[in-house]
Amino acid sequence: MTRGPDPDGNPCISIEVAGVDMYKGGQIESSGADDIAVWFVDTDYDYESFFVRHAYFPGANDPYKALKTTLKAEIDADAWESLKRTRSRPFPRPAGGKVAVKVINHLGDEVMKVVGV
């Protein structure tokens, strides 16, 4: 997690994921960012509901083609490319002091971590 000001000088936070750890077969398996299909950030988590406020698709598999086919629509390639990242866009410090990050791998396994900021 990094901190810094936004263009107006207000404090901002940015989250970075390096990989994902999953519990399988009685042990923890670690993998890198290429194994992350999608990750989400709730920038003001309240312990009641997870609201996707940021979504990123950093993995090695390219979901752009599948999404384009499924939606039967053109998707701006530059906009899509901006979502292929492991560091979130900066966002203001949450009023509730908690941020939640949900990571889903290519097998559909999901983990979530809550971070106090």
PDB file of N, CA and C in Angstrom:
ATOM      1  N   MET A   1       0.844  -1.156   0.000  1.00  0.00           N
ATOM      2  CA  MET A   1       0.000   0.000   0.000  1.00  0.00           C
ATOM      3  C   MET A   1       0.897   1.229   0.000  1.00  0.00           C
ATOM      4  N   THR A   2       0.546   2.201  -0.826  1.00  0.00           N
ATOM      5  CA  THR A   2       1.287   3.459  -0.853  1.00  0.00           C
ATOM      6  C   THR A   2       0.327   4.593  -0.543  1.00  0.00           C
ATOM      7  N   ARG A   3       0.889   5.674  -0.086  1.00  0.00           N
ATOM      8  CA  ARG A   3       0.087   6.840   0.243  1.00  0.00           C
ATOM      9  C   ARG A   3       0.702   8.053  -0.421  1.00  0.00           C
ATOM     10  N   GLY A   4      -0.113   9.007  -0.744  1.00  0.00           N
ATOM     11  CA  GLY A   4       0.367  10.226  -1.344  1.00  0.00           C
ATOM     12  C   GLY A   4      -0.806  11.137  -1.650  1.00  0.00           C
ATOM     13  N   PRO A   5      -0.558  12.369  -2.018  1.00  0.00           N
ATOM     14  CA  PRO A   5      -1.660  13.299  -2.263  1.00  0.00           C
ATOM     15  C   PRO A   5      -2.265  13.139  -3.659  1.00  0.00           C
ATOM     16  N   ASP A   6      -3.547  13.512  -3.767  1.00  0.00           N
ATOM     17  CA  ASP A   6      -4.182  13.596  -5.075  1.00  0.00           C
ATOM     18  C   ASP A   6      -3.828  14.959  -5.681  1.00  0.00           C
ATOM     19  N   PRO A   7      -4.290  15.273  -6.879  1.00  0.00           N
ATOM     20  CA  PRO A   7      -3.935  16.551  -7.499  1.00  0.00           C
ATOM     21  C   PRO A   7      -4.322  17.776  -6.665  1.00  0.00           C
ATOM     22  N   ASP A   8      -5.327  17.616  -5.785  1.00  0.00           N
ATOM     23  CA  ASP A   8      -5.757  18.728  -4.935  1.00  0.00           C
ATOM     24  C   ASP A   8      -5.019  18.759  -3.600  1.00  0.00           C
ATOM     25  N   GLY A   9      -4.066  17.848  -3.412  1.00  0.00           N
ATOM     26  CA  GLY A   9      -3.297  17.817  -2.178  1.00  0.00           C
ATOM     27  C   GLY A   9      -3.903  16.973  -1.072  1.00  0.00           C
ATOM     28  N   ASN A  10      -5.046  16.325  -1.334  1.00  0.00           N
ATOM     29  CA  ASN A  10      -5.679  15.463  -0.331  1.00  0.00           C
ATOM     30  C   ASN A  10      -4.965  14.116  -0.274  1.00  0.00           C
ATOM     31  N   PRO A  11      -4.857  13.518   0.914  1.00  0.00           N
ATOM     32  CA  PRO A  11      -4.161  12.231   1.013  1.00  0.00           C
ATOM     33  C   PRO A  11      -4.894  11.118   0.252  1.00  0.00           C
ATOM     34  N   CYS A  12      -4.137  10.318  -0.490  1.00  0.00           N
ATOM     35  CA  CYS A  12      -4.683   9.189  -1.246  1.00  0.00           C
ATOM     36  C   CYS A  12      -3.919   7.921  -0.915  1.00  0.00           C
ATOM     37  N   ILE A  13      -4.554   6.802  -1.236  1.00  0.00           N
ATOM     38  CA  ILE A  13      -3.987   5.481  -0.986  1.00  0.00           C
ATOM     39  C   ILE A  13      -4.034   4.703  -2.286  1.00  0.00           C
ATOM     40  N   SER A  14      -3.066   3.821  -2.477  1.00  0.00           N
ATOM     41  CA  SER A  14      -3.043   2.922  -3.621  1.00  0.00           C
ATOM     42  C   SER A  14      -2.674   1.539  -3.099  1.00  0.00           C
ATOM     43  N   ILE A  15      -3.365   0.522  -3.567  1.00  0.00           N
ATOM     44  CA  ILE A  15      -3.126  -0.862  -3.155  1.00  0.00           C
ATOM     45  C   ILE A  15      -2.410  -1.590  -4.288  1.00  0.00           C
ATOM     46  N   GLU A  16      -1.463  -2.460  -3.934  1.00  0.00           N
ATOM     47  CA  GLU A  16      -0.799  -3.293  -4.933  1.00  0.00           C
ATOM     48  C   GLU A  16      -0.870  -4.746  -4.502  1.00  0.00           C
ATOM     49  N   VAL A  17      -1.225  -5.633  -5.436  1.00  0.00           N
ATOM     50  CA  VAL A  17      -1.207  -7.071  -5.174  1.00  0.00           C
ATOM     51  C   VAL A  17       0.005  -7.679  -5.879  1.00  0.00           C
ATOM     52  N   ALA A  18       0.679  -8.578  -5.173  1.00  0.00           N
ATOM     53  CA  ALA A  18       1.870  -9.229  -5.731  1.00  0.00           C
ATOM     54  C   ALA A  18       1.557 -10.653  -6.172  1.00  0.00           C
ATOM     55  N   GLY A  19       0.466 -11.201  -5.685  1.00  0.00           N
ATOM     56  CA  GLY A  19       0.095 -12.575  -5.988  1.00  0.00           C
ATOM     57  C   GLY A  19      -1.042 -12.974  -5.079  1.00  0.00           C
ATOM     58  N   VAL A  20      -1.266 -14.269  -4.995  1.00  0.00           N
ATOM     59  CA  VAL A  20      -2.353 -14.758  -4.151  1.00  0.00           C
ATOM     60  C   VAL A  20      -1.923 -16.067  -3.499  1.00  0.00           C
ATOM     61  N   ASP A  21      -2.289 -16.238  -2.241  1.00  0.00           N
ATOM     62  CA  ASP A  21      -2.049 -17.476  -1.499  1.00  0.00           C
ATOM     63  C   ASP A  21      -3.378 -18.184  -1.316  1.00  0.00           C
ATOM     64  N   MET A  22      -3.411 -19.471  -1.662  1.00  0.00           N
ATOM     65  CA  MET A  22      -4.624 -20.279  -1.520  1.00  0.00           C
ATOM     66  C   MET A  22      -4.310 -21.513  -0.681  1.00  0.00           C
ATOM     67  N   TYR A  23      -5.273 -21.923   0.115  1.00  0.00           N
ATOM     68  CA  TYR A  23      -5.148 -23.122   0.930  1.00  0.00           C
ATOM     69  C   TYR A  23      -5.678 -24.293   0.115  1.00  0.00           C
ATOM     70  N   LYS A  24      -4.784 -25.245  -0.219  1.00  0.00           N
ATOM     71  CA  LYS A  24      -5.176 -26.406  -1.025  1.00  0.00           C
ATOM     72  C   LYS A  24      -4.486 -27.651  -0.499  1.00  0.00           C
ATOM     73  N   GLY A  25      -5.243 -28.711  -0.372  1.00  0.00           N
ATOM     74  CA  GLY A  25      -4.668 -29.992   0.019  1.00  0.00           C
ATOM     75  C   GLY A  25      -3.903 -29.951   1.333  1.00  0.00           C
ATOM     76  N   GLY A  26      -4.366 -29.139   2.263  1.00  0.00           N
ATOM     77  CA  GLY A  26      -3.733 -29.092   3.574  1.00  0.00           C
ATOM     78  C   GLY A  26      -2.528 -28.172   3.668  1.00  0.00           C
ATOM     79  N   GLN A  27      -2.239 -27.422   2.606  1.00  0.00           N
ATOM     80  CA  GLN A  27      -1.105 -26.506   2.668  1.00  0.00           C
ATOM     81  C   GLN A  27      -1.387 -25.235   1.869  1.00  0.00           C
ATOM     82  N   ILE A  28      -0.576 -24.236   2.118  1.00  0.00           N
ATOM     83  CA  ILE A  28      -0.715 -22.958   1.434  1.00  0.00           C
ATOM     84  C   ILE A  28       0.097 -22.992   0.143  1.00  0.00           C
ATOM     85  N   GLU A  29      -0.554 -22.605  -0.965  1.00  0.00           N
ATOM     86  CA  GLU A  29       0.130 -22.498  -2.245  1.00  0.00           C
ATOM     87  C   GLU A  29       0.165 -21.024  -2.645  1.00  0.00           C
ATOM     88  N   SER A  30       1.353 -20.526  -2.915  1.00  0.00           N
ATOM     89  CA  SER A  30       1.518 -19.133  -3.327  1.00  0.00           C
ATOM     90  C   SER A  30       1.702 -19.062  -4.836  1.00  0.00           C
ATOM     91  N   SER A  31       1.149 -18.019  -5.427  1.00  0.00           N
ATOM     92  CA  SER A  31       1.332 -17.809  -6.856  1.00  0.00           C
ATOM     93  C   SER A  31       1.457 -16.312  -7.121  1.00  0.00           C
ATOM     94  N   GLY A  32       1.959 -15.967  -8.291  1.00  0.00           N
ATOM     95  CA  GLY A  32       2.191 -14.576  -8.654  1.00  0.00           C
ATOM     96  C   GLY A  32       0.968 -13.921  -9.268  1.00  0.00           C
ATOM     97  N   ALA A  33       1.151 -12.693  -9.716  1.00  0.00           N
ATOM     98  CA  ALA A  33       0.058 -11.904 -10.281  1.00  0.00           C
ATOM     99  C   ALA A  33      -0.511 -12.520 -11.560  1.00  0.00           C
ATOM    100  N   ASP A  34       0.279 -13.306 -12.286  1.00  0.00           N
ATOM    101  CA  ASP A  34      -0.235 -13.937 -13.508  1.00  0.00           C
ATOM    102  C   ASP A  34      -1.364 -14.923 -13.221  1.00  0.00           C
ATOM    103  N   ASP A  35      -1.448 -15.405 -11.983  1.00  0.00           N
ATOM    104  CA  ASP A  35      -2.506 -16.344 -11.615  1.00  0.00           C
ATOM    105  C   ASP A  35      -3.767 -15.652 -11.106  1.00  0.00           C
ATOM    106  N   ILE A  36      -3.752 -14.318 -11.073  1.00  0.00           N
ATOM    107  CA  ILE A  36      -4.929 -13.565 -10.644  1.00  0.00           C
ATOM    108  C   ILE A  36      -5.775 -13.260 -11.870  1.00  0.00           C
ATOM    109  N   ALA A  37      -7.006 -13.742 -11.861  1.00  0.00           N
ATOM    110  CA  ALA A  37      -7.925 -13.453 -12.966  1.00  0.00           C
ATOM    111  C   ALA A  37      -8.493 -12.046 -12.822  1.00  0.00           C
ATOM    112  N   VAL A  38      -8.893 -11.706 -11.600  1.00  0.00           N
ATOM    113  CA  VAL A  38      -9.474 -10.400 -11.326  1.00  0.00           C
ATOM    114  C   VAL A  38      -9.271 -10.066  -9.858  1.00  0.00           C
ATOM    115  N   TRP A  39      -9.121  -8.791  -9.564  1.00  0.00           N
ATOM    116  CA  TRP A  39      -9.115  -8.372  -8.162  1.00  0.00           C
ATOM    117  C   TRP A  39      -9.912  -7.092  -8.029  1.00  0.00           C
ATOM    118  N   PHE A  40     -10.568  -6.970  -6.866  1.00  0.00           N
ATOM    119  CA  PHE A  40     -11.472  -5.861  -6.607  1.00  0.00           C
ATOM    120  C   PHE A  40     -11.044  -5.133  -5.344  1.00  0.00           C
ATOM    121  N   VAL A  41     -11.382  -3.852  -5.275  1.00  0.00           N
ATOM    122  CA  VAL A  41     -11.115  -3.065  -4.083  1.00  0.00           C
ATOM    123  C   VAL A  41     -12.407  -2.403  -3.628  1.00  0.00           C
ATOM    124  N   ASP A  42     -12.732  -2.586  -2.353  1.00  0.00           N
ATOM    125  CA  ASP A  42     -13.780  -1.798  -1.707  1.00  0.00           C
ATOM    126  C   ASP A  42     -13.034  -0.736  -0.922  1.00  0.00           C
ATOM    127  N   THR A  43     -13.096   0.496  -1.379  1.00  0.00           N
ATOM    128  CA  THR A  43     -12.277   1.573  -0.828  1.00  0.00           C
ATOM    129  C   THR A  43     -12.795   2.138   0.497  1.00  0.00           C
ATOM    130  N   ASP A  44     -13.916   1.626   0.990  1.00  0.00           N
ATOM    131  CA  ASP A  44     -14.437   2.044   2.302  1.00  0.00           C
ATOM    132  C   ASP A  44     -15.263   0.902   2.881  1.00  0.00           C
ATOM    133  N   TYR A  45     -14.577  -0.184   3.227  1.00  0.00           N
ATOM    134  CA  TYR A  45     -15.240  -1.417   3.670  1.00  0.00           C
ATOM    135  C   TYR A  45     -15.882  -1.226   5.037  1.00  0.00           C
ATOM    136  N   ASP A  46     -17.127  -1.721   5.194  1.00  0.00           N
ATOM    137  CA  ASP A  46     -17.866  -1.542   6.442  1.00  0.00           C
ATOM    138  C   ASP A  46     -18.131  -2.850   7.201  1.00  0.00           C
ATOM    139  N   TYR A  47     -17.526  -3.951   6.790  1.00  0.00           N
ATOM    140  CA  TYR A  47     -17.702  -5.272   7.405  1.00  0.00           C
ATOM    141  C   TYR A  47     -19.105  -5.850   7.210  1.00  0.00           C
ATOM    142  N   GLU A  48     -19.959  -5.171   6.472  1.00  0.00           N
ATOM    143  CA  GLU A  48     -21.296  -5.694   6.207  1.00  0.00           C
ATOM    144  C   GLU A  48     -21.447  -6.119   4.755  1.00  0.00           C
ATOM    145  N   SER A  49     -20.984  -5.288   3.842  1.00  0.00           N
ATOM    146  CA  SER A  49     -21.126  -5.561   2.411  1.00  0.00           C
ATOM    147  C   SER A  49     -19.844  -5.165   1.692  1.00  0.00           C
ATOM    148  N   PHE A  50     -19.481  -5.952   0.698  1.00  0.00           N
ATOM    149  CA  PHE A  50     -18.339  -5.629  -0.148  1.00  0.00           C
ATOM    150  C   PHE A  50     -18.875  -4.935  -1.387  1.00  0.00           C
ATOM    151  N   PHE A  51     -18.454  -3.694  -1.610  1.00  0.00           N
ATOM    152  CA  PHE A  51     -18.844  -2.942  -2.799  1.00  0.00           C
ATOM    153  C   PHE A  51     -17.639  -2.820  -3.710  1.00  0.00           C
ATOM    154  N   VAL A  52     -17.774  -3.310  -4.931  1.00  0.00           N
ATOM    155  CA  VAL A  52     -16.680  -3.209  -5.895  1.00  0.00           C
ATOM    156  C   VAL A  52     -16.610  -1.762  -6.365  1.00  0.00           C
ATOM    157  N   ARG A  53     -15.529  -1.106  -5.965  1.00  0.00           N
ATOM    158  CA  ARG A  53     -15.331   0.284  -6.373  1.00  0.00           C
ATOM    159  C   ARG A  53     -14.200   0.390  -7.393  1.00  0.00           C
ATOM    160  N   HIS A  54     -13.320  -0.620  -7.401  1.00  0.00           N
ATOM    161  CA  HIS A  54     -12.254  -0.735  -8.402  1.00  0.00           C
ATOM    162  C   HIS A  54     -12.217  -2.194  -8.835  1.00  0.00           C
ATOM    163  N   ALA A  55     -11.952  -2.443 -10.116  1.00  0.00           N
ATOM    164  CA  ALA A  55     -11.798  -3.803 -10.639  1.00  0.00           C
ATOM    165  C   ALA A  55     -10.617  -3.818 -11.607  1.00  0.00           C
ATOM    166  N   TYR A  56      -9.769  -4.846 -11.468  1.00  0.00           N
ATOM    167  CA  TYR A  56      -8.563  -4.959 -12.303  1.00  0.00           C
ATOM    168  C   TYR A  56      -8.394  -6.398 -12.776  1.00  0.00           C
ATOM    169  N   PHE A  57      -7.785  -6.573 -13.947  1.00  0.00           N
ATOM    170  CA  PHE A  57      -7.652  -7.873 -14.593  1.00  0.00           C
ATOM    171  C   PHE A  57      -6.198  -8.096 -15.019  1.00  0.00           C
ATOM    172  N   PRO A  58      -5.292  -8.427 -14.084  1.00  0.00           N
ATOM    173  CA  PRO A  58      -3.862  -8.472 -14.411  1.00  0.00           C
ATOM    174  C   PRO A  58      -3.349  -9.784 -14.994  1.00  0.00           C
ATOM    175  N   GLY A  59      -4.121 -10.845 -14.950  1.00  0.00           N
ATOM    176  CA  GLY A  59      -3.630 -12.181 -15.242  1.00  0.00           C
ATOM    177  C   GLY A  59      -3.098 -12.415 -16.640  1.00  0.00           C
ATOM    178  N   ALA A  60      -2.456 -13.551 -16.793  1.00  0.00           N
ATOM    179  CA  ALA A  60      -1.854 -13.945 -18.068  1.00  0.00           C
ATOM    180  C   ALA A  60      -2.924 -14.241 -19.113  1.00  0.00           C
ATOM    181  N   ASN A  61      -4.045 -14.833 -18.703  1.00  0.00           N
ATOM    182  CA  ASN A  61      -5.135 -15.087 -19.645  1.00  0.00           C
ATOM    183  C   ASN A  61      -5.762 -13.754 -20.019  1.00  0.00           C
ATOM    184  N   ASP A  62      -6.118 -13.606 -21.280  1.00  0.00           N
ATOM    185  CA  ASP A  62      -6.680 -12.340 -21.747  1.00  0.00           C
ATOM    186  C   ASP A  62      -8.201 -12.424 -21.795  1.00  0.00           C
ATOM    187  N   PRO A  63      -8.887 -11.883 -20.781  1.00  0.00           N
ATOM    188  CA  PRO A  63     -10.348 -11.955 -20.776  1.00  0.00           C
ATOM    189  C   PRO A  63     -11.003 -10.988 -21.759  1.00  0.00           C
ATOM    190  N   TYR A  64     -10.218 -10.088 -22.364  1.00  0.00           N
ATOM    191  CA  TYR A  64     -10.766  -9.092 -23.296  1.00  0.00           C
ATOM    192  C   TYR A  64     -11.535  -9.759 -24.430  1.00  0.00           C
ATOM    193  N   LYS A  65     -10.932 -10.765 -25.048  1.00  0.00           N
ATOM    194  CA  LYS A  65     -11.568 -11.436 -26.187  1.00  0.00           C
ATOM    195  C   LYS A  65     -12.869 -12.110 -25.772  1.00  0.00           C
ATOM    196  N   ALA A  66     -12.838 -12.826 -24.626  1.00  0.00           N
ATOM    197  CA  ALA A  66     -14.039 -13.521 -24.153  1.00  0.00           C
ATOM    198  C   ALA A  66     -15.149 -12.533 -23.802  1.00  0.00           C
ATOM    199  N   LEU A  67     -14.783 -11.437 -23.151  1.00  0.00           N
ATOM    200  CA  LEU A  67     -15.775 -10.438 -22.772  1.00  0.00           C
ATOM    201  C   LEU A  67     -16.380  -9.787 -24.010  1.00  0.00           C
ATOM    202  N   LYS A  68     -15.546  -9.472 -24.972  1.00  0.00           N
ATOM    203  CA  LYS A  68     -16.006  -8.855 -26.219  1.00  0.00           C
ATOM    204  C   LYS A  68     -16.982  -9.791 -26.946  1.00  0.00           C
ATOM    205  N   THR A  69     -16.656 -11.091 -26.970  1.00  0.00           N
ATOM    206  CA  THR A  69     -17.525 -12.076 -27.616  1.00  0.00           C
ATOM    207  C   THR A  69     -18.837 -12.226 -26.857  1.00  0.00           C
ATOM    208  N   THR A  70     -18.754 -12.313 -25.529  1.00  0.00           N
ATOM    209  CA  THR A  70     -19.946 -12.495 -24.708  1.00  0.00           C
ATOM    210  C   THR A  70     -20.887 -11.299 -24.815  1.00  0.00           C
ATOM    211  N   LEU A  71     -20.332 -10.104 -24.749  1.00  0.00           N
ATOM    212  CA  LEU A  71     -21.164  -8.904 -24.810  1.00  0.00           C
ATOM    213  C   LEU A  71     -21.597  -8.556 -26.230  1.00  0.00           C
ATOM    214  N   LYS A  72     -20.928  -9.173 -27.207  1.00  0.00           N
ATOM    215  CA  LYS A  72     -21.188  -8.871 -28.614  1.00  0.00           C
ATOM    216  C   LYS A  72     -21.117  -7.363 -28.864  1.00  0.00           C
ATOM    217  N   ALA A  73     -20.053  -6.776 -28.327  1.00  0.00           N
ATOM    218  CA  ALA A  73     -19.879  -5.329 -28.435  1.00  0.00           C
ATOM    219  C   ALA A  73     -18.400  -5.002 -28.512  1.00  0.00           C
ATOM    220  N   GLU A  74     -18.128  -3.824 -29.014  1.00  0.00           N
ATOM    221  CA  GLU A  74     -16.759  -3.330 -29.037  1.00  0.00           C
ATOM    222  C   GLU A  74     -16.436  -2.724 -27.681  1.00  0.00           C
ATOM    223  N   ILE A  75     -15.263  -3.028 -27.190  1.00  0.00           N
ATOM    224  CA  ILE A  75     -14.786  -2.464 -25.929  1.00  0.00           C
ATOM    225  C   ILE A  75     -13.527  -1.685 -26.260  1.00  0.00           C
ATOM    226  N   ASP A  76     -13.438  -0.474 -25.768  1.00  0.00           N
ATOM    227  CA  ASP A  76     -12.277   0.365 -26.025  1.00  0.00           C
ATOM    228  C   ASP A  76     -11.023  -0.338 -25.523  1.00  0.00           C
ATOM    229  N   ALA A  77     -10.131  -0.696 -26.428  1.00  0.00           N
ATOM    230  CA  ALA A  77      -8.927  -1.463 -26.078  1.00  0.00           C
ATOM    231  C   ALA A  77      -8.024  -0.708 -25.108  1.00  0.00           C
ATOM    232  N   ASP A  78      -7.901   0.600 -25.257  1.00  0.00           N
ATOM    233  CA  ASP A  78      -7.067   1.387 -24.346  1.00  0.00           C
ATOM    234  C   ASP A  78      -7.667   1.417 -22.941  1.00  0.00           C
ATOM    235  N   ALA A  79      -8.990   1.567 -22.862  1.00  0.00           N
ATOM    236  CA  ALA A  79      -9.651   1.549 -21.552  1.00  0.00           C
ATOM    237  C   ALA A  79      -9.465   0.192 -20.888  1.00  0.00           C
ATOM    238  N   TRP A  80      -9.620  -0.870 -21.673  1.00  0.00           N
ATOM    239  CA  TRP A  80      -9.442  -2.211 -21.131  1.00  0.00           C
ATOM    240  C   TRP A  80      -8.007  -2.403 -20.642  1.00  0.00           C
ATOM    241  N   GLU A  81      -7.045  -1.970 -21.422  1.00  0.00           N
ATOM    242  CA  GLU A  81      -5.631  -2.128 -21.066  1.00  0.00           C
ATOM    243  C   GLU A  81      -5.316  -1.412 -19.752  1.00  0.00           C
ATOM    244  N   SER A  82      -6.010  -0.328 -19.468  1.00  0.00           N
ATOM    245  CA  SER A  82      -5.771   0.409 -18.222  1.00  0.00           C
ATOM    246  C   SER A  82      -6.216  -0.377 -16.988  1.00  0.00           C
ATOM    247  N   LEU A  83      -7.000  -1.430 -17.199  1.00  0.00           N
ATOM    248  CA  LEU A  83      -7.461  -2.272 -16.085  1.00  0.00           C
ATOM    249  C   LEU A  83      -6.558  -3.478 -15.858  1.00  0.00           C
ATOM    250  N   LYS A  84      -5.568  -3.667 -16.720  1.00  0.00           N
ATOM    251  CA  LYS A  84      -4.646  -4.796 -16.588  1.00  0.00           C
ATOM    252  C   LYS A  84      -3.458  -4.336 -15.740  1.00  0.00           C
ATOM    253  N   ARG A  85      -3.665  -4.352 -14.422  1.00  0.00           N
ATOM    254  CA  ARG A  85      -2.649  -3.816 -13.524  1.00  0.00           C
ATOM    255  C   ARG A  85      -2.704  -4.495 -12.159  1.00  0.00           C
ATOM    256  N   THR A  86      -1.603  -4.371 -11.444  1.00  0.00           N
ATOM    257  CA  THR A  86      -1.520  -4.928 -10.092  1.00  0.00           C
ATOM    258  C   THR A  86      -1.497  -3.833  -9.023  1.00  0.00           C
ATOM    259  N   ARG A  87      -1.410  -2.581  -9.429  1.00  0.00           N
ATOM    260  CA  ARG A  87      -1.515  -1.457  -8.491  1.00  0.00           C
ATOM    261  C   ARG A  87      -2.788  -0.683  -8.815  1.00  0.00           C
ATOM    262  N   SER A  88      -3.585  -0.431  -7.796  1.00  0.00           N
ATOM    263  CA  SER A  88      -4.837   0.293  -8.003  1.00  0.00           C
ATOM    264  C   SER A  88      -4.587   1.751  -8.333  1.00  0.00           C
ATOM    265  N   ARG A  89      -5.586   2.352  -8.890  1.00  0.00           N
ATOM    266  CA  ARG A  89      -5.548   3.800  -9.048  1.00  0.00           C
ATOM    267  C   ARG A  89      -5.649   4.406  -7.645  1.00  0.00           C
ATOM    268  N   PRO A  90      -5.073   5.581  -7.427  1.00  0.00           N
ATOM    269  CA  PRO A  90      -5.172   6.220  -6.109  1.00  0.00           C
ATOM    270  C   PRO A  90      -6.621   6.551  -5.759  1.00  0.00           C
ATOM    271  N   PHE A  91      -6.920   6.446  -4.474  1.00  0.00           N
ATOM    272  CA  PHE A  91      -8.254   6.795  -3.996  1.00  0.00           C
ATOM    273  C   PHE A  91      -8.135   7.466  -2.631  1.00  0.00           C
ATOM    274  N   PRO A  92      -9.127   8.282  -2.261  1.00  0.00           N
ATOM    275  CA  PRO A  92      -9.064   8.988  -0.982  1.00  0.00           C
ATOM    276  C   PRO A  92      -9.083   8.022   0.206  1.00  0.00           C
ATOM    277  N   ARG A  93      -8.476   8.457   1.302  1.00  0.00           N
ATOM    278  CA  ARG A  93      -8.484   7.682   2.544  1.00  0.00           C
ATOM    279  C   ARG A  93      -9.943   7.448   2.958  1.00  0.00           C
ATOM    280  N   PRO A  94     -10.302   6.198   3.285  1.00  0.00           N
ATOM    281  CA  PRO A  94     -11.695   5.899   3.631  1.00  0.00           C
ATOM    282  C   PRO A  94     -12.103   6.494   4.982  1.00  0.00           C
ATOM    283  N   ALA A  95     -13.334   6.967   5.037  1.00  0.00           N
ATOM    284  CA  ALA A  95     -13.858   7.536   6.274  1.00  0.00           C
ATOM    285  C   ALA A  95     -13.887   6.490   7.388  1.00  0.00           C
ATOM    286  N   GLY A  96     -14.201   5.239   7.033  1.00  0.00           N
ATOM    287  CA  GLY A  96     -14.279   4.166   8.025  1.00  0.00           C
ATOM    288  C   GLY A  96     -12.935   3.552   8.385  1.00  0.00           C
ATOM    289  N   GLY A  97     -11.877   3.937   7.683  1.00  0.00           N
ATOM    290  CA  GLY A  97     -10.538   3.457   8.013  1.00  0.00           C
ATOM    291  C   GLY A  97     -10.213   2.045   7.560  1.00  0.00           C
ATOM    292  N   LYS A  98     -11.085   1.414   6.757  1.00  0.00           N
ATOM    293  CA  LYS A  98     -10.851   0.048   6.287  1.00  0.00           C
ATOM    294  C   LYS A  98     -10.997  -0.052   4.781  1.00  0.00           C
ATOM    295  N   VAL A  99     -10.103  -0.816   4.183  1.00  0.00           N
ATOM    296  CA  VAL A  99     -10.142  -1.141   2.761  1.00  0.00           C
ATOM    297  C   VAL A  99     -10.165  -2.656   2.657  1.00  0.00           C
ATOM    298  N   ALA A 100     -10.971  -3.202   1.748  1.00  0.00           N
ATOM    299  CA  ALA A 100     -11.006  -4.643   1.526  1.00  0.00           C
ATOM    300  C   ALA A 100     -10.568  -4.934   0.094  1.00  0.00           C
ATOM    301  N   VAL A 101      -9.764  -5.982  -0.049  1.00  0.00           N
ATOM    302  CA  VAL A 101      -9.280  -6.412  -1.357  1.00  0.00           C
ATOM    303  C   VAL A 101      -9.722  -7.856  -1.557  1.00  0.00           C
ATOM    304  N   LYS A 102     -10.404  -8.113  -2.660  1.00  0.00           N
ATOM    305  CA  LYS A 102     -10.862  -9.464  -2.994  1.00  0.00           C
ATOM    306  C   LYS A 102     -10.125  -9.904  -4.249  1.00  0.00           C
ATOM    307  N   VAL A 103      -9.503 -11.081  -4.199  1.00  0.00           N
ATOM    308  CA  VAL A 103      -8.730 -11.619  -5.310  1.00  0.00           C
ATOM    309  C   VAL A 103      -9.346 -12.944  -5.741  1.00  0.00           C
ATOM    310  N   ILE A 104      -9.505 -13.121  -7.056  1.00  0.00           N
ATOM    311  CA  ILE A 104     -10.039 -14.371  -7.610  1.00  0.00           C
ATOM    312  C   ILE A 104      -9.032 -14.889  -8.625  1.00  0.00           C
ATOM    313  N   ASN A 105      -8.634 -16.169  -8.470  1.00  0.00           N
ATOM    314  CA  ASN A 105      -7.683 -16.753  -9.418  1.00  0.00           C
ATOM    315  C   ASN A 105      -8.424 -17.349 -10.610  1.00  0.00           C
ATOM    316  N   HIS A 106      -7.673 -17.911 -11.550  1.00  0.00           N
ATOM    317  CA  HIS A 106      -8.267 -18.448 -12.777  1.00  0.00           C
ATOM    318  C   HIS A 106      -9.126 -19.687 -12.555  1.00  0.00           C
ATOM    319  N   LEU A 107      -9.009 -20.301 -11.374  1.00  0.00           N
ATOM    320  CA  LEU A 107      -9.834 -21.466 -11.052  1.00  0.00           C
ATOM    321  C   LEU A 107     -11.120 -21.073 -10.341  1.00  0.00           C
ATOM    322  N   GLY A 108     -11.276 -19.779 -10.051  1.00  0.00           N
ATOM    323  CA  GLY A 108     -12.470 -19.299  -9.350  1.00  0.00           C
ATOM    324  C   GLY A 108     -12.304 -19.261  -7.840  1.00  0.00           C
ATOM    325  N   ASP A 109     -11.129 -19.627  -7.336  1.00  0.00           N
ATOM    326  CA  ASP A 109     -10.877 -19.534  -5.906  1.00  0.00           C
ATOM    327  C   ASP A 109     -10.819 -18.064  -5.508  1.00  0.00           C
ATOM    328  N   GLU A 110     -11.374 -17.743  -4.354  1.00  0.00           N
ATOM    329  CA  GLU A 110     -11.505 -16.355  -3.940  1.00  0.00           C
ATOM    330  C   GLU A 110     -10.977 -16.161  -2.522  1.00  0.00           C
ATOM    331  N   VAL A 111     -10.236 -15.071  -2.309  1.00  0.00           N
ATOM    332  CA  VAL A 111      -9.782 -14.701  -0.975  1.00  0.00           C
ATOM    333  C   VAL A 111     -10.018 -13.200  -0.806  1.00  0.00           C
ATOM    334  N   MET A 112     -10.177 -12.802   0.456  1.00  0.00           N
ATOM    335  CA  MET A 112     -10.379 -11.392   0.739  1.00  0.00           C
ATOM    336  C   MET A 112      -9.539 -11.001   1.947  1.00  0.00           C
ATOM    337  N   LYS A 113      -8.984  -9.807   1.895  1.00  0.00           N
ATOM    338  CA  LYS A 113      -8.206  -9.284   3.008  1.00  0.00           C
ATOM    339  C   LYS A 113      -8.695  -7.881   3.311  1.00  0.00           C
ATOM    340  N   VAL A 114      -8.848  -7.590   4.624  1.00  0.00           N
ATOM    341  CA  VAL A 114      -9.236  -6.266   5.075  1.00  0.00           C
ATOM    342  C   VAL A 114      -8.006  -5.603   5.662  1.00  0.00           C
ATOM    343  N   VAL A 115      -7.779  -4.348   5.267  1.00  0.00           N
ATOM    344  CA  VAL A 115      -6.597  -3.609   5.698  1.00  0.00           C
ATOM    345  C   VAL A 115      -7.041  -2.327   6.375  1.00  0.00           C
ATOM    346  N   GLY A 116      -6.507  -2.066   7.541  1.00  0.00           N
ATOM    347  CA  GLY A 116      -6.752  -0.798   8.211  1.00  0.00           C
ATOM    348  C   GLY A 116      -5.812   0.261   7.665  1.00  0.00           C
ATOM    349  N   VAL A 117      -6.351   1.442   7.377  1.00  0.00           N
ATOM    350  CA  VAL A 117      -5.522   2.522   6.851  1.00  0.00           C
ATOM    351  C   VAL A 117      -5.716   3.803   7.654  1.00  0.00           C
TER     352      VAL A 117
END
